Amino acid sequence: DGTVHSRDSVMGEKGLLIAFICNHCPYVIAIIDRLVAD
């Protein structure tokens, strides 16, 4: 939707997790709900 985020804007007080994912990969599809919960 055009909202820009930077590394610093998504950094948490205790750390940062960056996940490279996509919509069509069967490996991502298999783990996405677990990833969201984590």
Full PDB file with SEQRES, HELIX, SHEET, SSBOND, CRYST1, ORIGX, SCALE, CONECT and MASTER records, all heavy atoms in Angstrom:
SEQRES   1 A   38  ASP GLY THR VAL HIS SER ARG ASP SER VAL MET GLY GLU          
SEQRES   2 A   38  LYS GLY LEU LEU ILE ALA PHE ILE CYS ASN HIS CYS PRO          
SEQRES   3 A   38  TYR VAL ILE ALA ILE ILE ASP ARG LEU VAL ALA ASP              
HELIX    1 AA1 ARG A    7  VAL A   10  1                                   4    
HELIX    2 AA2 PRO A   26  ALA A   37  1                                  12    
CRYST1    1.000    1.000    1.000  90.00  90.00  90.00 P 1           1          
ORIGX1      1.000000  0.000000  0.000000        0.00000                         
ORIGX2      0.000000  1.000000  0.000000        0.00000                         
ORIGX3      0.000000  0.000000  1.000000        0.00000                         
SCALE1      1.000000  0.000000  0.000000        0.00000                         
SCALE2      0.000000  1.000000  0.000000        0.00000                         
SCALE3      0.000000  0.000000  1.000000        0.00000                         
ATOM      1  N   ASP A   1       0.813  -1.227   0.000  1.00  0.00           N  
ATOM      2  CA  ASP A   1       0.000   0.000   0.000  1.00  0.00           C  
ATOM      3  C   ASP A   1       0.844   1.273   0.000  1.00  0.00           C  
ATOM      4  O   ASP A   1       0.305   2.374   0.016  1.00  0.00           O  
ATOM      5  CB  ASP A   1      -1.002   0.009   1.160  1.00  0.00           C  
ATOM      6  CG  ASP A   1      -0.355   0.210   2.526  1.00  0.00           C  
ATOM      7  OD1 ASP A   1       0.878   0.426   2.616  1.00  0.00           O  
ATOM      8  OD2 ASP A   1      -1.087   0.150   3.533  1.00  0.00           O  
ATOM      9  N   GLY A   2       2.183   1.138   0.020  1.00  0.00           N  
ATOM     10  CA  GLY A   2       3.061   2.292  -0.089  1.00  0.00           C  
ATOM     11  C   GLY A   2       3.649   2.809   1.207  1.00  0.00           C  
ATOM     12  O   GLY A   2       4.450   3.748   1.197  1.00  0.00           O  
ATOM     13  N   THR A   3       3.306   2.230   2.343  1.00  0.00           N  
ATOM     14  CA  THR A   3       3.884   2.647   3.618  1.00  0.00           C  
ATOM     15  C   THR A   3       5.327   2.164   3.690  1.00  0.00           C  
ATOM     16  O   THR A   3       5.589   0.966   3.571  1.00  0.00           O  
ATOM     17  CB  THR A   3       3.088   2.061   4.806  1.00  0.00           C  
ATOM     18  OG1 THR A   3       1.719   2.439   4.661  1.00  0.00           O  
ATOM     19  CG2 THR A   3       3.630   2.552   6.132  1.00  0.00           C  
ATOM     20  N   VAL A   4       6.263   3.097   3.869  1.00  0.00           N  
ATOM     21  CA  VAL A   4       7.690   2.760   3.852  1.00  0.00           C  
ATOM     22  C   VAL A   4       8.176   2.452   5.269  1.00  0.00           C  
ATOM     23  O   VAL A   4       7.847   3.170   6.224  1.00  0.00           O  
ATOM     24  CB  VAL A   4       8.512   3.906   3.230  1.00  0.00           C  
ATOM     25  CG1 VAL A   4      10.008   3.609   3.312  1.00  0.00           C  
ATOM     26  CG2 VAL A   4       8.095   4.118   1.777  1.00  0.00           C  
ATOM     27  N   HIS A   5       8.937   1.383   5.380  1.00  0.00           N  
ATOM     28  CA  HIS A   5       9.551   0.975   6.640  1.00  0.00           C  
ATOM     29  C   HIS A   5      11.058   0.855   6.428  1.00  0.00           C  
ATOM     30  O   HIS A   5      11.519   0.453   5.356  1.00  0.00           O  
ATOM     31  CB  HIS A   5       9.008  -0.376   7.109  1.00  0.00           C  
ATOM     32  CG  HIS A   5       7.555  -0.355   7.436  1.00  0.00           C  
ATOM     33  ND1 HIS A   5       7.084  -0.053   8.690  1.00  0.00           N  
ATOM     34  CD2 HIS A   5       6.464  -0.579   6.670  1.00  0.00           C  
ATOM     35  CE1 HIS A   5       5.771  -0.106   8.687  1.00  0.00           C  
ATOM     36  NE2 HIS A   5       5.367  -0.424   7.470  1.00  0.00           N  
ATOM     37  N   SER A   6      11.806   1.164   7.488  1.00  0.00           N  
ATOM     38  CA  SER A   6      13.264   1.023   7.454  1.00  0.00           C  
ATOM     39  C   SER A   6      13.687  -0.015   8.489  1.00  0.00           C  
ATOM     40  O   SER A   6      12.881  -0.439   9.329  1.00  0.00           O  
ATOM     41  CB  SER A   6      13.928   2.360   7.793  1.00  0.00           C  
ATOM     42  OG  SER A   6      13.678   2.701   9.153  1.00  0.00           O  
ATOM     43  N   ARG A   7      14.951  -0.363   8.447  1.00  0.00           N  
ATOM     44  CA  ARG A   7      15.487  -1.290   9.456  1.00  0.00           C  
ATOM     45  C   ARG A   7      15.236  -0.740  10.853  1.00  0.00           C  
ATOM     46  O   ARG A   7      14.762  -1.451  11.736  1.00  0.00           O  
ATOM     47  CB  ARG A   7      16.985  -1.484   9.220  1.00  0.00           C  
ATOM     48  CG  ARG A   7      17.669  -2.321  10.289  1.00  0.00           C  
ATOM     49  CD  ARG A   7      19.163  -2.116  10.344  1.00  0.00           C  
ATOM     50  NE  ARG A   7      19.450  -0.714  10.643  1.00  0.00           N  
ATOM     51  CZ  ARG A   7      20.553  -0.087  10.290  1.00  0.00           C  
ATOM     52  NH1 ARG A   7      21.487  -0.710   9.612  1.00  0.00           N  
ATOM     53  NH2 ARG A   7      20.741   1.180  10.603  1.00  0.00           N  
ATOM     54  N   ASP A   8      15.516   0.549  11.046  1.00  0.00           N  
ATOM     55  CA  ASP A   8      15.376   1.133  12.379  1.00  0.00           C  
ATOM     56  C   ASP A   8      13.914   1.243  12.816  1.00  0.00           C  
ATOM     57  O   ASP A   8      13.621   1.139  14.003  1.00  0.00           O  
ATOM     58  CB  ASP A   8      16.057   2.495  12.433  1.00  0.00           C  
ATOM     59  CG  ASP A   8      17.578   2.377  12.280  1.00  0.00           C  
ATOM     60  OD1 ASP A   8      18.122   1.263  12.444  1.00  0.00           O  
ATOM     61  OD2 ASP A   8      18.214   3.406  11.990  1.00  0.00           O  
ATOM     62  N   SER A   9      12.998   1.434  11.875  1.00  0.00           N  
ATOM     63  CA  SER A   9      11.589   1.570  12.261  1.00  0.00           C  
ATOM     64  C   SER A   9      10.965   0.237  12.667  1.00  0.00           C  
ATOM     65  O   SER A   9       9.976   0.226  13.388  1.00  0.00           O  
ATOM     66  CB  SER A   9      10.773   2.216  11.139  1.00  0.00           C  
ATOM     67  OG  SER A   9      10.559   1.323  10.060  1.00  0.00           O  
ATOM     68  N   VAL A  10      11.549  -0.870  12.231  1.00  0.00           N  
ATOM     69  CA  VAL A  10      11.018  -2.182  12.620  1.00  0.00           C  
ATOM     70  C   VAL A  10      11.845  -2.850  13.722  1.00  0.00           C  
ATOM     71  O   VAL A  10      11.436  -3.874  14.264  1.00  0.00           O  
ATOM     72  CB  VAL A  10      10.862  -3.141  11.403  1.00  0.00           C  
ATOM     73  CG1 VAL A  10       9.829  -2.600  10.435  1.00  0.00           C  
ATOM     74  CG2 VAL A  10      12.174  -3.412  10.713  1.00  0.00           C  
ATOM     75  N   MET A  11      12.983  -2.242  14.076  1.00  0.00           N  
ATOM     76  CA  MET A  11      13.839  -2.779  15.139  1.00  0.00           C  
ATOM     77  C   MET A  11      13.088  -2.748  16.468  1.00  0.00           C  
ATOM     78  O   MET A  11      12.447  -1.753  16.794  1.00  0.00           O  
ATOM     79  CB  MET A  11      15.122  -1.953  15.246  1.00  0.00           C  
ATOM     80  CG  MET A  11      16.025  -2.325  16.406  1.00  0.00           C  
ATOM     81  SD  MET A  11      16.855  -3.918  16.270  1.00  0.00           S  
ATOM     82  CE  MET A  11      18.223  -3.501  15.220  1.00  0.00           C  
ATOM     83  N   GLY A  12      13.174  -3.826  17.201  1.00  0.00           N  
ATOM     84  CA  GLY A  12      12.590  -3.875  18.532  1.00  0.00           C  
ATOM     85  C   GLY A  12      13.612  -3.473  19.579  1.00  0.00           C  
ATOM     86  O   GLY A  12      14.812  -3.387  19.302  1.00  0.00           O  
ATOM     87  N   GLU A  13      13.159  -3.281  20.783  1.00  0.00           N  
ATOM     88  CA  GLU A  13      14.039  -2.899  21.886  1.00  0.00           C  
ATOM     89  C   GLU A  13      15.112  -3.958  22.145  1.00  0.00           C  
ATOM     90  O   GLU A  13      16.234  -3.652  22.524  1.00  0.00           O  
ATOM     91  CB  GLU A  13      13.187  -2.711  23.141  1.00  0.00           C  
ATOM     92  CG  GLU A  13      13.953  -2.381  24.383  1.00  0.00           C  
ATOM     93  CD  GLU A  13      13.051  -2.311  25.610  1.00  0.00           C  
ATOM     94  OE1 GLU A  13      11.872  -1.938  25.474  1.00  0.00           O  
ATOM     95  OE2 GLU A  13      13.538  -2.651  26.704  1.00  0.00           O  
ATOM     96  N   LYS A  14      14.766  -5.245  21.888  1.00  0.00           N  
ATOM     97  CA  LYS A  14      15.690  -6.348  22.187  1.00  0.00           C  
ATOM     98  C   LYS A  14      16.266  -7.023  20.947  1.00  0.00           C  
ATOM     99  O   LYS A  14      17.030  -7.971  21.063  1.00  0.00           O  
ATOM    100  CB  LYS A  14      14.963  -7.396  23.020  1.00  0.00           C  
ATOM    101  CG  LYS A  14      14.384  -6.889  24.312  1.00  0.00           C  
ATOM    102  CD  LYS A  14      15.387  -6.975  25.418  1.00  0.00           C  
ATOM    103  CE  LYS A  14      14.827  -6.458  26.719  1.00  0.00           C  
ATOM    104  NZ  LYS A  14      14.446  -7.478  27.667  1.00  0.00           N  
ATOM    105  N   GLY A  15      15.849  -6.580  19.749  1.00  0.00           N  
ATOM    106  CA  GLY A  15      16.404  -7.204  18.552  1.00  0.00           C  
ATOM    107  C   GLY A  15      15.477  -7.096  17.360  1.00  0.00           C  
ATOM    108  O   GLY A  15      14.433  -6.434  17.409  1.00  0.00           O  
ATOM    109  N   LEU A  16      15.876  -7.763  16.290  1.00  0.00           N  
ATOM    110  CA  LEU A  16      15.174  -7.666  15.016  1.00  0.00           C  
ATOM    111  C   LEU A  16      15.255  -8.991  14.272  1.00  0.00           C  
ATOM    112  O   LEU A  16      16.312  -9.616  14.213  1.00  0.00           O  
ATOM    113  CB  LEU A  16      15.822  -6.572  14.157  1.00  0.00           C  
ATOM    114  CG  LEU A  16      15.351  -6.423  12.713  1.00  0.00           C  
ATOM    115  CD1 LEU A  16      13.893  -5.974  12.655  1.00  0.00           C  
ATOM    116  CD2 LEU A  16      16.240  -5.434  11.970  1.00  0.00           C  
ATOM    117  N   LEU A  17      14.129  -9.373  13.695  1.00  0.00           N  
ATOM    118  CA  LEU A  17      14.084 -10.547  12.829  1.00  0.00           C  
ATOM    119  C   LEU A  17      13.632 -10.095  11.434  1.00  0.00           C  
ATOM    120  O   LEU A  17      12.586  -9.464  11.300  1.00  0.00           O  
ATOM    121  CB  LEU A  17      13.115 -11.596  13.359  1.00  0.00           C  
ATOM    122  CG  LEU A  17      12.982 -12.830  12.464  1.00  0.00           C  
ATOM    123  CD1 LEU A  17      14.274 -13.631  12.466  1.00  0.00           C  
ATOM    124  CD2 LEU A  17      11.829 -13.688  12.896  1.00  0.00           C  
ATOM    125  N   ILE A  18      14.425 -10.416  10.437  1.00  0.00           N  
ATOM    126  CA  ILE A  18      14.074 -10.170   9.040  1.00  0.00           C  
ATOM    127  C   ILE A  18      13.862 -11.530   8.395  1.00  0.00           C  
ATOM    128  O   ILE A  18      14.731 -12.403   8.469  1.00  0.00           O  
ATOM    129  CB  ILE A  18      15.189  -9.399   8.291  1.00  0.00           C  
ATOM    130  CG1 ILE A  18      15.440  -8.032   8.932  1.00  0.00           C  
ATOM    131  CG2 ILE A  18      14.860  -9.279   6.810  1.00  0.00           C  
ATOM    132  CD1 ILE A  18      14.272  -7.061   8.816  1.00  0.00           C  
ATOM    133  N   ALA A  19      12.695 -11.700   7.760  1.00  0.00           N  
ATOM    134  CA  ALA A  19      12.356 -12.968   7.103  1.00  0.00           C  
ATOM    135  C   ALA A  19      12.106 -12.710   5.628  1.00  0.00           C  
ATOM    136  O   ALA A  19      11.209 -11.941   5.273  1.00  0.00           O  
ATOM    137  CB  ALA A  19      11.119 -13.583   7.743  1.00  0.00           C  
ATOM    138  N   PHE A  20      12.901 -13.301   4.776  1.00  0.00           N  
ATOM    139  CA  PHE A  20      12.659 -13.244   3.339  1.00  0.00           C  
ATOM    140  C   PHE A  20      11.709 -14.381   3.003  1.00  0.00           C  
ATOM    141  O   PHE A  20      12.042 -15.558   3.196  1.00  0.00           O  
ATOM    142  CB  PHE A  20      13.970 -13.357   2.553  1.00  0.00           C  
ATOM    143  CG  PHE A  20      14.808 -12.113   2.656  1.00  0.00           C  
ATOM    144  CD1 PHE A  20      15.699 -11.935   3.703  1.00  0.00           C  
ATOM    145  CD2 PHE A  20      14.682 -11.104   1.715  1.00  0.00           C  
ATOM    146  CE1 PHE A  20      16.447 -10.782   3.824  1.00  0.00           C  
ATOM    147  CE2 PHE A  20      15.421  -9.941   1.814  1.00  0.00           C  
ATOM    148  CZ  PHE A  20      16.313  -9.775   2.872  1.00  0.00           C  
ATOM    149  N   ILE A  21      10.516 -14.014   2.559  1.00  0.00           N  
ATOM    150  CA  ILE A  21       9.487 -14.999   2.224  1.00  0.00           C  
ATOM    151  C   ILE A  21       8.858 -14.609   0.889  1.00  0.00           C  
ATOM    152  O   ILE A  21       9.191 -13.574   0.314  1.00  0.00           O  
ATOM    153  CB  ILE A  21       8.397 -15.108   3.315  1.00  0.00           C  
ATOM    154  CG1 ILE A  21       7.589 -13.812   3.436  1.00  0.00           C  
ATOM    155  CG2 ILE A  21       9.010 -15.508   4.662  1.00  0.00           C  
ATOM    156  CD1 ILE A  21       6.360 -13.925   4.327  1.00  0.00           C  
ATOM    157  N   CYS A  22       7.968 -15.423   0.407  1.00  0.00           N  
ATOM    158  CA  CYS A  22       7.161 -15.099  -0.766  1.00  0.00           C  
ATOM    159  C   CYS A  22       5.831 -15.833  -0.619  1.00  0.00           C  
ATOM    160  O   CYS A  22       5.623 -16.555   0.345  1.00  0.00           O  
ATOM    161  CB  CYS A  22       7.873 -15.470  -2.062  1.00  0.00           C  
ATOM    162  SG  CYS A  22       8.025 -17.243  -2.324  1.00  0.00           S  
ATOM    163  N   ASN A  23       4.955 -15.640  -1.578  1.00  0.00           N  
ATOM    164  CA  ASN A  23       3.609 -16.200  -1.474  1.00  0.00           C  
ATOM    165  C   ASN A  23       3.484 -17.601  -2.056  1.00  0.00           C  
ATOM    166  O   ASN A  23       2.607 -18.356  -1.639  1.00  0.00           O  
ATOM    167  CB  ASN A  23       2.603 -15.312  -2.210  1.00  0.00           C  
ATOM    168  CG  ASN A  23       2.698 -13.875  -1.812  1.00  0.00           C  
ATOM    169  OD1 ASN A  23       3.036 -13.545  -0.685  1.00  0.00           O  
ATOM    170  ND2 ASN A  23       2.418 -12.987  -2.747  1.00  0.00           N  
ATOM    171  N   HIS A  24       4.314 -17.934  -3.042  1.00  0.00           N  
ATOM    172  CA  HIS A  24       4.073 -19.166  -3.793  1.00  0.00           C  
ATOM    173  C   HIS A  24       4.946 -20.348  -3.370  1.00  0.00           C  
ATOM    174  O   HIS A  24       4.647 -21.483  -3.712  1.00  0.00           O  
ATOM    175  CB  HIS A  24       4.254 -18.915  -5.308  1.00  0.00           C  
ATOM    176  CG  HIS A  24       5.657 -19.061  -5.785  1.00  0.00           C  
ATOM    177  ND1 HIS A  24       6.584 -18.040  -5.706  1.00  0.00           N  
ATOM    178  CD2 HIS A  24       6.300 -20.117  -6.328  1.00  0.00           C  
ATOM    179  CE1 HIS A  24       7.740 -18.463  -6.192  1.00  0.00           C  
ATOM    180  NE2 HIS A  24       7.595 -19.729  -6.582  1.00  0.00           N  
ATOM    181  N   CYS A  25       5.999 -20.119  -2.621  1.00  0.00           N  
ATOM    182  CA  CYS A  25       6.944 -21.182  -2.268  1.00  0.00           C  
ATOM    183  C   CYS A  25       6.284 -22.208  -1.346  1.00  0.00           C  
ATOM    184  O   CYS A  25       5.741 -21.853  -0.301  1.00  0.00           O  
ATOM    185  CB  CYS A  25       8.160 -20.576  -1.583  1.00  0.00           C  
ATOM    186  SG  CYS A  25       9.284 -21.801  -0.873  1.00  0.00           S  
ATOM    187  N   PRO A  26       6.330 -23.489  -1.695  1.00  0.00           N  
ATOM    188  CA  PRO A  26       5.714 -24.510  -0.834  1.00  0.00           C  
ATOM    189  C   PRO A  26       6.343 -24.576   0.558  1.00  0.00           C  
ATOM    190  O   PRO A  26       5.666 -24.935   1.518  1.00  0.00           O  
ATOM    191  CB  PRO A  26       5.903 -25.816  -1.600  1.00  0.00           C  
ATOM    192  CG  PRO A  26       6.845 -25.537  -2.701  1.00  0.00           C  
ATOM    193  CD  PRO A  26       6.891 -24.060  -2.922  1.00  0.00           C  
ATOM    194  N   TYR A  27       7.618 -24.215   0.681  1.00  0.00           N  
ATOM    195  CA  TYR A  27       8.264 -24.220   1.992  1.00  0.00           C  
ATOM    196  C   TYR A  27       7.702 -23.103   2.871  1.00  0.00           C  
ATOM    197  O   TYR A  27       7.464 -23.300   4.058  1.00  0.00           O  
ATOM    198  CB  TYR A  27       9.786 -24.086   1.851  1.00  0.00           C  
ATOM    199  CG  TYR A  27      10.390 -25.293   1.187  1.00  0.00           C  
ATOM    200  CD1 TYR A  27      10.540 -25.350  -0.191  1.00  0.00           C  
ATOM    201  CD2 TYR A  27      10.782 -26.392   1.943  1.00  0.00           C  
ATOM    202  CE1 TYR A  27      11.060 -26.473  -0.814  1.00  0.00           C  
ATOM    203  CE2 TYR A  27      11.311 -27.525   1.333  1.00  0.00           C  
ATOM    204  CZ  TYR A  27      11.449 -27.555  -0.044  1.00  0.00           C  
ATOM    205  OH  TYR A  27      11.957 -28.664  -0.649  1.00  0.00           O  
ATOM    206  N   VAL A  28       7.478 -21.927   2.283  1.00  0.00           N  
ATOM    207  CA  VAL A  28       6.880 -20.824   3.026  1.00  0.00           C  
ATOM    208  C   VAL A  28       5.436 -21.160   3.384  1.00  0.00           C  
ATOM    209  O   VAL A  28       5.007 -20.974   4.527  1.00  0.00           O  
ATOM    210  CB  VAL A  28       6.947 -19.497   2.229  1.00  0.00           C  
ATOM    211  CG1 VAL A  28       6.156 -18.400   2.936  1.00  0.00           C  
ATOM    212  CG2 VAL A  28       8.393 -19.074   2.011  1.00  0.00           C  
ATOM    213  N   ILE A  29       4.691 -21.672   2.422  1.00  0.00           N  
ATOM    214  CA  ILE A  29       3.286 -22.020   2.669  1.00  0.00           C  
ATOM    215  C   ILE A  29       3.182 -23.031   3.816  1.00  0.00           C  
ATOM    216  O   ILE A  29       2.289 -22.934   4.663  1.00  0.00           O  
ATOM    217  CB  ILE A  29       2.620 -22.541   1.384  1.00  0.00           C  
ATOM    218  CG1 ILE A  29       2.500 -21.390   0.373  1.00  0.00           C  
ATOM    219  CG2 ILE A  29       1.262 -23.156   1.672  1.00  0.00           C  
ATOM    220  CD1 ILE A  29       2.169 -21.823  -1.042  1.00  0.00           C  
ATOM    221  N   ALA A  30       4.131 -23.963   3.890  1.00  0.00           N  
ATOM    222  CA  ALA A  30       4.102 -24.989   4.940  1.00  0.00           C  
ATOM    223  C   ALA A  30       4.350 -24.413   6.327  1.00  0.00           C  
ATOM    224  O   ALA A  30       3.836 -24.937   7.312  1.00  0.00           O  
ATOM    225  CB  ALA A  30       5.123 -26.082   4.636  1.00  0.00           C  
ATOM    226  N   ILE A  31       5.120 -23.315   6.415  1.00  0.00           N  
ATOM    227  CA  ILE A  31       5.508 -22.809   7.735  1.00  0.00           C  
ATOM    228  C   ILE A  31       4.856 -21.478   8.116  1.00  0.00           C  
ATOM    229  O   ILE A  31       5.024 -21.020   9.249  1.00  0.00           O  
ATOM    230  CB  ILE A  31       7.049 -22.675   7.851  1.00  0.00           C  
ATOM    231  CG1 ILE A  31       7.630 -21.711   6.817  1.00  0.00           C  
ATOM    232  CG2 ILE A  31       7.720 -24.032   7.709  1.00  0.00           C  
ATOM    233  CD1 ILE A  31       7.966 -20.354   7.345  1.00  0.00           C  
ATOM    234  N   ILE A  32       4.132 -20.846   7.208  1.00  0.00           N  
ATOM    235  CA  ILE A  32       3.696 -19.461   7.445  1.00  0.00           C  
ATOM    236  C   ILE A  32       2.862 -19.300   8.711  1.00  0.00           C  
ATOM    237  O   ILE A  32       3.058 -18.333   9.465  1.00  0.00           O  
ATOM    238  CB  ILE A  32       2.980 -18.863   6.204  1.00  0.00           C  
ATOM    239  CG1 ILE A  32       2.749 -17.347   6.393  1.00  0.00           C  
ATOM    240  CG2 ILE A  32       1.688 -19.580   5.897  1.00  0.00           C  
ATOM    241  CD1 ILE A  32       3.988 -16.510   6.503  1.00  0.00           C  
ATOM    242  N   ASP A  33       1.960 -20.186   8.993  1.00  0.00           N  
ATOM    243  CA  ASP A  33       1.129 -20.017  10.190  1.00  0.00           C  
ATOM    244  C   ASP A  33       1.964 -20.161  11.464  1.00  0.00           C  
ATOM    245  O   ASP A  33       1.745 -19.438  12.443  1.00  0.00           O  
ATOM    246  CB  ASP A  33      -0.054 -20.981  10.164  1.00  0.00           C  
ATOM    247  CG  ASP A  33      -1.009 -20.661   9.022  1.00  0.00           C  
ATOM    248  OD1 ASP A  33      -1.170 -19.469   8.673  1.00  0.00           O  
ATOM    249  OD2 ASP A  33      -1.595 -21.605   8.451  1.00  0.00           O  
ATOM    250  N   ARG A  34       2.955 -21.051  11.457  1.00  0.00           N  
ATOM    251  CA  ARG A  34       3.863 -21.179  12.597  1.00  0.00           C  
ATOM    252  C   ARG A  34       4.732 -19.929  12.721  1.00  0.00           C  
ATOM    253  O   ARG A  34       4.982 -19.443  13.829  1.00  0.00           O  
ATOM    254  CB  ARG A  34       4.749 -22.416  12.446  1.00  0.00           C  
ATOM    255  CG  ARG A  34       3.990 -23.704  12.655  1.00  0.00           C  
ATOM    256  CD  ARG A  34       4.879 -24.910  12.422  1.00  0.00           C  
ATOM    257  NE  ARG A  34       4.818 -25.238  11.002  1.00  0.00           N  
ATOM    258  CZ  ARG A  34       5.721 -25.930  10.327  1.00  0.00           C  
ATOM    259  NH1 ARG A  34       6.801 -26.366  10.923  1.00  0.00           N  
ATOM    260  NH2 ARG A  34       5.553 -26.189   9.056  1.00  0.00           N  
ATOM    261  N   LEU A  35       5.188 -19.410  11.581  1.00  0.00           N  
ATOM    262  CA  LEU A  35       6.001 -18.195  11.600  1.00  0.00           C  
ATOM    263  C   LEU A  35       5.208 -17.034  12.188  1.00  0.00           C  
ATOM    264  O   LEU A  35       5.711 -16.294  13.038  1.00  0.00           O  
ATOM    265  CB  LEU A  35       6.487 -17.847  10.191  1.00  0.00           C  
ATOM    266  CG  LEU A  35       7.224 -16.509  10.052  1.00  0.00           C  
ATOM    267  CD1 LEU A  35       8.478 -16.457  10.915  1.00  0.00           C  
ATOM    268  CD2 LEU A  35       7.565 -16.244   8.583  1.00  0.00           C  
ATOM    269  N   VAL A  36       3.968 -16.856  11.751  1.00  0.00           N  
ATOM    270  CA  VAL A  36       3.128 -15.771  12.268  1.00  0.00           C  
ATOM    271  C   VAL A  36       2.982 -15.889  13.787  1.00  0.00           C  
ATOM    272  O   VAL A  36       3.130 -14.899  14.514  1.00  0.00           O  
ATOM    273  CB  VAL A  36       1.751 -15.756  11.557  1.00  0.00           C  
ATOM    274  CG1 VAL A  36       0.770 -14.844  12.274  1.00  0.00           C  
ATOM    275  CG2 VAL A  36       1.921 -15.335  10.098  1.00  0.00           C  
ATOM    276  N   ALA A  37       2.720 -17.077  14.287  1.00  0.00           N  
ATOM    277  CA  ALA A  37       2.578 -17.283  15.729  1.00  0.00           C  
ATOM    278  C   ALA A  37       3.890 -16.975  16.458  1.00  0.00           C  
ATOM    279  O   ALA A  37       3.885 -16.326  17.516  1.00  0.00           O  
ATOM    280  CB  ALA A  37       2.123 -18.717  16.021  1.00  0.00           C  
ATOM    281  N   ASP A  38       5.004 -17.414  15.899  1.00  0.00           N  
ATOM    282  CA  ASP A  38       6.304 -17.158  16.526  1.00  0.00           C  
ATOM    283  C   ASP A  38       6.637 -15.667  16.507  1.00  0.00           C  
ATOM    284  O   ASP A  38       7.210 -15.142  17.471  1.00  0.00           O  
ATOM    285  CB  ASP A  38       7.405 -17.976  15.847  1.00  0.00           C  
ATOM    286  CG  ASP A  38       7.325 -19.460  16.183  1.00  0.00           C  
ATOM    287  OD1 ASP A  38       6.505 -19.857  17.041  1.00  0.00           O  
ATOM    288  OD2 ASP A  38       8.091 -20.230  15.562  1.00  0.00           O  
TER     289      ASP A  38                                                      
MASTER        0    0    0    2    0    0    0    6  288    1    0    3          
END                                                                             
